[in-house]
Amino acid sequence: MANIKSQKKRVLITREENASNNSKRTRVKNAVKKYEAAIAENNVELAKTLLPETVSIIDKAAADGIYKDNTASRKVARLSKLLSDLQKA
């Protein structure tokens, strides 16, 4: 660790921020996995209820800077397409 006081503080803050970012990223991944599991089971009703929740989690992560806007948009579009394809089938 550095000897300079401000650098010591930056190291500690960076660790806290990394932990927070990893937690938010994990939350998105878990929500997507839960949604994709509902799609795999062909459970349209559950997928319809999980989609807005999952999109909300992704949007919050994008607002916090975890994902860039295009990445978040791509994830949401991909999830929406899964539901759309399931409903057509």
N, C-alpha and C. Protein backbone atom coordinates (compact mmCIF):
# COMPACT_ATOMS: atom_id res chain seq x y z
N MET A 1 0.84 -1.18 0.00
CA MET A 1 0.00 0.00 0.00
C MET A 1 0.89 1.24 0.00
N ALA A 2 0.36 2.31 -0.53
CA ALA A 2 1.12 3.54 -0.66
C ALA A 2 1.37 4.20 0.69
N ASN A 3 2.34 5.12 0.72
CA ASN A 3 2.65 5.86 1.94
C ASN A 3 1.89 7.17 2.02
N ILE A 4 1.38 7.65 0.90
CA ILE A 4 0.70 8.93 0.87
C ILE A 4 -0.73 8.76 1.37
N LYS A 5 -1.13 9.67 2.25
CA LYS A 5 -2.44 9.56 2.90
C LYS A 5 -3.59 9.54 1.89
N SER A 6 -3.55 10.42 0.90
CA SER A 6 -4.64 10.48 -0.07
C SER A 6 -4.71 9.21 -0.91
N GLN A 7 -3.55 8.63 -1.19
CA GLN A 7 -3.54 7.39 -1.98
C GLN A 7 -4.07 6.21 -1.17
N LYS A 8 -3.78 6.21 0.13
CA LYS A 8 -4.33 5.16 1.00
C LYS A 8 -5.86 5.23 0.98
N LYS A 9 -6.38 6.45 1.04
CA LYS A 9 -7.83 6.64 1.02
C LYS A 9 -8.41 6.17 -0.32
N ARG A 10 -7.73 6.51 -1.43
CA ARG A 10 -8.21 6.10 -2.74
C ARG A 10 -8.26 4.59 -2.86
N VAL A 11 -7.25 3.90 -2.31
CA VAL A 11 -7.22 2.44 -2.36
C VAL A 11 -8.43 1.87 -1.63
N LEU A 12 -8.73 2.40 -0.47
CA LEU A 12 -9.88 1.91 0.31
C LEU A 12 -11.20 2.19 -0.41
N ILE A 13 -11.33 3.39 -0.96
CA ILE A 13 -12.57 3.75 -1.66
C ILE A 13 -12.74 2.90 -2.91
N THR A 14 -11.66 2.63 -3.62
CA THR A 14 -11.72 1.80 -4.82
C THR A 14 -12.19 0.40 -4.48
N ARG A 15 -11.71 -0.14 -3.37
CA ARG A 15 -12.15 -1.47 -2.95
C ARG A 15 -13.64 -1.49 -2.67
N GLU A 16 -14.14 -0.46 -1.99
CA GLU A 16 -15.57 -0.37 -1.69
C GLU A 16 -16.38 -0.25 -2.97
N GLU A 17 -15.92 0.57 -3.90
CA GLU A 17 -16.64 0.76 -5.15
C GLU A 17 -16.65 -0.52 -5.98
N ASN A 18 -15.52 -1.23 -6.00
CA ASN A 18 -15.46 -2.49 -6.73
C ASN A 18 -16.44 -3.50 -6.15
N ALA A 19 -16.52 -3.57 -4.83
CA ALA A 19 -17.45 -4.50 -4.18
C ALA A 19 -18.88 -4.15 -4.54
N SER A 20 -19.20 -2.87 -4.53
CA SER A 20 -20.55 -2.42 -4.88
C SER A 20 -20.88 -2.73 -6.33
N ASN A 21 -19.95 -2.45 -7.23
CA ASN A 21 -20.17 -2.71 -8.65
C ASN A 21 -20.34 -4.20 -8.92
N ASN A 22 -19.52 -5.03 -8.28
CA ASN A 22 -19.63 -6.47 -8.46
C ASN A 22 -20.98 -6.98 -7.97
N SER A 23 -21.46 -6.42 -6.87
CA SER A 23 -22.75 -6.81 -6.33
C SER A 23 -23.87 -6.47 -7.31
N LYS A 24 -23.82 -5.27 -7.90
CA LYS A 24 -24.85 -4.85 -8.85
C LYS A 24 -24.80 -5.71 -10.12
N ARG A 25 -23.60 -6.00 -10.59
CA ARG A 25 -23.43 -6.83 -11.78
C ARG A 25 -23.97 -8.24 -11.53
N THR A 26 -23.72 -8.76 -10.34
CA THR A 26 -24.22 -10.08 -9.97
C THR A 26 -25.74 -10.08 -9.90
N ARG A 27 -26.32 -9.00 -9.40
CA ARG A 27 -27.77 -8.90 -9.32
C ARG A 27 -28.40 -8.97 -10.71
N VAL A 28 -27.77 -8.30 -11.67
CA VAL A 28 -28.26 -8.35 -13.05
C VAL A 28 -28.17 -9.77 -13.59
N LYS A 29 -27.03 -10.40 -13.39
CA LYS A 29 -26.83 -11.76 -13.90
C LYS A 29 -27.85 -12.72 -13.32
N ASN A 30 -28.11 -12.61 -12.02
CA ASN A 30 -29.07 -13.51 -11.38
C ASN A 30 -30.48 -13.28 -11.91
N ALA A 31 -30.85 -12.04 -12.13
CA ALA A 31 -32.18 -11.73 -12.66
C ALA A 31 -32.32 -12.29 -14.07
N VAL A 32 -31.28 -12.16 -14.88
CA VAL A 32 -31.32 -12.67 -16.25
C VAL A 32 -31.41 -14.20 -16.24
N LYS A 33 -30.67 -14.84 -15.36
CA LYS A 33 -30.71 -16.31 -15.27
C LYS A 33 -32.10 -16.78 -14.87
N LYS A 34 -32.71 -16.09 -13.92
CA LYS A 34 -34.05 -16.45 -13.46
C LYS A 34 -35.06 -16.30 -14.61
N TYR A 35 -34.93 -15.22 -15.37
CA TYR A 35 -35.81 -14.97 -16.51
C TYR A 35 -35.61 -16.03 -17.58
N GLU A 36 -34.35 -16.33 -17.90
CA GLU A 36 -34.05 -17.33 -18.93
C GLU A 36 -34.51 -18.72 -18.51
N ALA A 37 -34.50 -19.01 -17.21
CA ALA A 37 -35.00 -20.29 -16.72
C ALA A 37 -36.50 -20.39 -16.96
N ALA A 38 -37.22 -19.30 -16.75
CA ALA A 38 -38.67 -19.28 -17.01
C ALA A 38 -38.94 -19.49 -18.50
N ILE A 39 -38.12 -18.89 -19.35
CA ILE A 39 -38.26 -19.06 -20.80
C ILE A 39 -37.99 -20.52 -21.17
N ALA A 40 -36.96 -21.12 -20.58
CA ALA A 40 -36.60 -22.50 -20.89
C ALA A 40 -37.71 -23.47 -20.50
N GLU A 41 -38.45 -23.12 -19.44
CA GLU A 41 -39.56 -23.97 -19.00
C GLU A 41 -40.84 -23.69 -19.79
N ASN A 42 -40.77 -22.78 -20.75
CA ASN A 42 -41.94 -22.37 -21.54
C ASN A 42 -43.05 -21.80 -20.67
N ASN A 43 -42.68 -21.13 -19.60
CA ASN A 43 -43.64 -20.52 -18.69
C ASN A 43 -43.83 -19.06 -19.08
N VAL A 44 -44.82 -18.82 -19.93
CA VAL A 44 -45.03 -17.48 -20.48
C VAL A 44 -45.48 -16.50 -19.40
N GLU A 45 -46.37 -16.93 -18.53
CA GLU A 45 -46.90 -16.03 -17.49
C GLU A 45 -45.79 -15.56 -16.56
N LEU A 46 -44.95 -16.48 -16.12
CA LEU A 46 -43.84 -16.11 -15.23
C LEU A 46 -42.86 -15.20 -15.96
N ALA A 47 -42.59 -15.50 -17.22
CA ALA A 47 -41.66 -14.68 -18.00
C ALA A 47 -42.21 -13.26 -18.16
N LYS A 48 -43.54 -13.15 -18.37
CA LYS A 48 -44.15 -11.83 -18.52
C LYS A 48 -44.01 -11.01 -17.25
N THR A 49 -44.09 -11.64 -16.09
CA THR A 49 -43.96 -10.90 -14.83
C THR A 49 -42.50 -10.59 -14.51
N LEU A 50 -41.59 -11.46 -14.94
CA LEU A 50 -40.18 -11.25 -14.65
C LEU A 50 -39.52 -10.23 -15.57
N LEU A 51 -40.06 -10.06 -16.79
CA LEU A 51 -39.43 -9.15 -17.75
C LEU A 51 -39.34 -7.71 -17.23
N PRO A 52 -40.42 -7.11 -16.73
CA PRO A 52 -40.29 -5.72 -16.24
C PRO A 52 -39.32 -5.60 -15.06
N GLU A 53 -39.30 -6.60 -14.19
CA GLU A 53 -38.38 -6.57 -13.05
C GLU A 53 -36.93 -6.63 -13.54
N THR A 54 -36.67 -7.52 -14.48
CA THR A 54 -35.32 -7.69 -15.00
C THR A 54 -34.87 -6.44 -15.75
N VAL A 55 -35.76 -5.86 -16.54
CA VAL A 55 -35.44 -4.64 -17.28
C VAL A 55 -35.13 -3.51 -16.31
N SER A 56 -35.90 -3.43 -15.23
CA SER A 56 -35.67 -2.40 -14.23
C SER A 56 -34.29 -2.54 -13.58
N ILE A 57 -33.91 -3.76 -13.27
CA ILE A 57 -32.60 -4.01 -12.66
C ILE A 57 -31.49 -3.62 -13.64
N ILE A 58 -31.66 -3.97 -14.90
CA ILE A 58 -30.65 -3.63 -15.92
C ILE A 58 -30.56 -2.12 -16.08
N ASP A 59 -31.71 -1.44 -16.12
CA ASP A 59 -31.72 0.02 -16.27
C ASP A 59 -31.05 0.71 -15.09
N LYS A 60 -31.29 0.20 -13.89
CA LYS A 60 -30.65 0.79 -12.71
C LYS A 60 -29.14 0.61 -12.77
N ALA A 61 -28.70 -0.55 -13.22
CA ALA A 61 -27.26 -0.80 -13.35
C ALA A 61 -26.66 0.14 -14.39
N ALA A 62 -27.38 0.38 -15.48
CA ALA A 62 -26.89 1.30 -16.51
C ALA A 62 -26.83 2.73 -15.96
N ALA A 63 -27.82 3.11 -15.17
CA ALA A 63 -27.84 4.45 -14.58
C ALA A 63 -26.68 4.63 -13.61
N ASP A 64 -26.27 3.56 -12.95
CA ASP A 64 -25.16 3.63 -12.00
C ASP A 64 -23.81 3.53 -12.70
N GLY A 65 -23.82 3.31 -14.02
CA GLY A 65 -22.57 3.25 -14.76
C GLY A 65 -21.95 1.87 -14.80
N ILE A 66 -22.70 0.85 -14.40
CA ILE A 66 -22.16 -0.51 -14.43
C ILE A 66 -22.09 -0.99 -15.89
N TYR A 67 -23.13 -0.67 -16.65
CA TYR A 67 -23.16 -1.00 -18.08
C TYR A 67 -23.32 0.29 -18.87
N LYS A 68 -22.76 0.30 -20.07
CA LYS A 68 -22.99 1.43 -20.96
C LYS A 68 -24.41 1.33 -21.49
N ASP A 69 -24.93 2.43 -21.99
CA ASP A 69 -26.33 2.47 -22.44
C ASP A 69 -26.62 1.46 -23.54
N ASN A 70 -25.72 1.34 -24.50
CA ASN A 70 -25.94 0.40 -25.60
C ASN A 70 -25.93 -1.04 -25.11
N THR A 71 -25.07 -1.35 -24.15
CA THR A 71 -25.01 -2.70 -23.60
C THR A 71 -26.31 -3.03 -22.89
N ALA A 72 -26.80 -2.10 -22.08
CA ALA A 72 -28.05 -2.32 -21.37
C ALA A 72 -29.20 -2.48 -22.36
N SER A 73 -29.22 -1.65 -23.38
CA SER A 73 -30.27 -1.72 -24.39
C SER A 73 -30.22 -3.06 -25.12
N ARG A 74 -29.04 -3.53 -25.44
CA ARG A 74 -28.88 -4.81 -26.11
C ARG A 74 -29.39 -5.96 -25.25
N LYS A 75 -29.08 -5.91 -23.95
CA LYS A 75 -29.54 -6.96 -23.03
C LYS A 75 -31.07 -6.97 -22.96
N VAL A 76 -31.67 -5.80 -22.86
CA VAL A 76 -33.13 -5.70 -22.76
C VAL A 76 -33.77 -6.20 -24.06
N ALA A 77 -33.22 -5.83 -25.20
CA ALA A 77 -33.78 -6.25 -26.48
C ALA A 77 -33.69 -7.77 -26.62
N ARG A 78 -32.59 -8.34 -26.18
CA ARG A 78 -32.40 -9.79 -26.26
C ARG A 78 -33.44 -10.52 -25.42
N LEU A 79 -33.68 -10.00 -24.19
CA LEU A 79 -34.66 -10.62 -23.31
C LEU A 79 -36.08 -10.48 -23.87
N SER A 80 -36.38 -9.33 -24.42
CA SER A 80 -37.70 -9.11 -25.01
C SER A 80 -37.94 -10.04 -26.19
N LYS A 81 -36.91 -10.25 -26.98
CA LYS A 81 -37.02 -11.13 -28.14
C LYS A 81 -37.27 -12.57 -27.70
N LEU A 82 -36.65 -12.99 -26.60
CA LEU A 82 -36.88 -14.35 -26.10
C LEU A 82 -38.36 -14.55 -25.77
N LEU A 83 -38.95 -13.57 -25.10
CA LEU A 83 -40.36 -13.66 -24.74
C LEU A 83 -41.24 -13.63 -25.99
N SER A 84 -40.91 -12.78 -26.91
CA SER A 84 -41.68 -12.65 -28.15
C SER A 84 -41.65 -13.97 -28.93
N ASP A 85 -40.48 -14.57 -29.04
CA ASP A 85 -40.35 -15.85 -29.75
C ASP A 85 -41.13 -16.95 -29.04
N LEU A 86 -41.13 -16.93 -27.72
CA LEU A 86 -41.85 -17.95 -26.95
C LEU A 86 -43.36 -17.80 -27.16
N GLN A 87 -43.84 -16.58 -27.22
CA GLN A 87 -45.26 -16.35 -27.41
C GLN A 87 -45.71 -16.75 -28.82
N LYS A 88 -44.84 -16.59 -29.81
CA LYS A 88 -45.18 -16.97 -31.16
C LYS A 88 -45.25 -18.49 -31.33
N ALA A 89 -44.45 -19.19 -30.56
CA ALA A 89 -44.37 -20.65 -30.69
C ALA A 89 -45.55 -21.35 -30.05
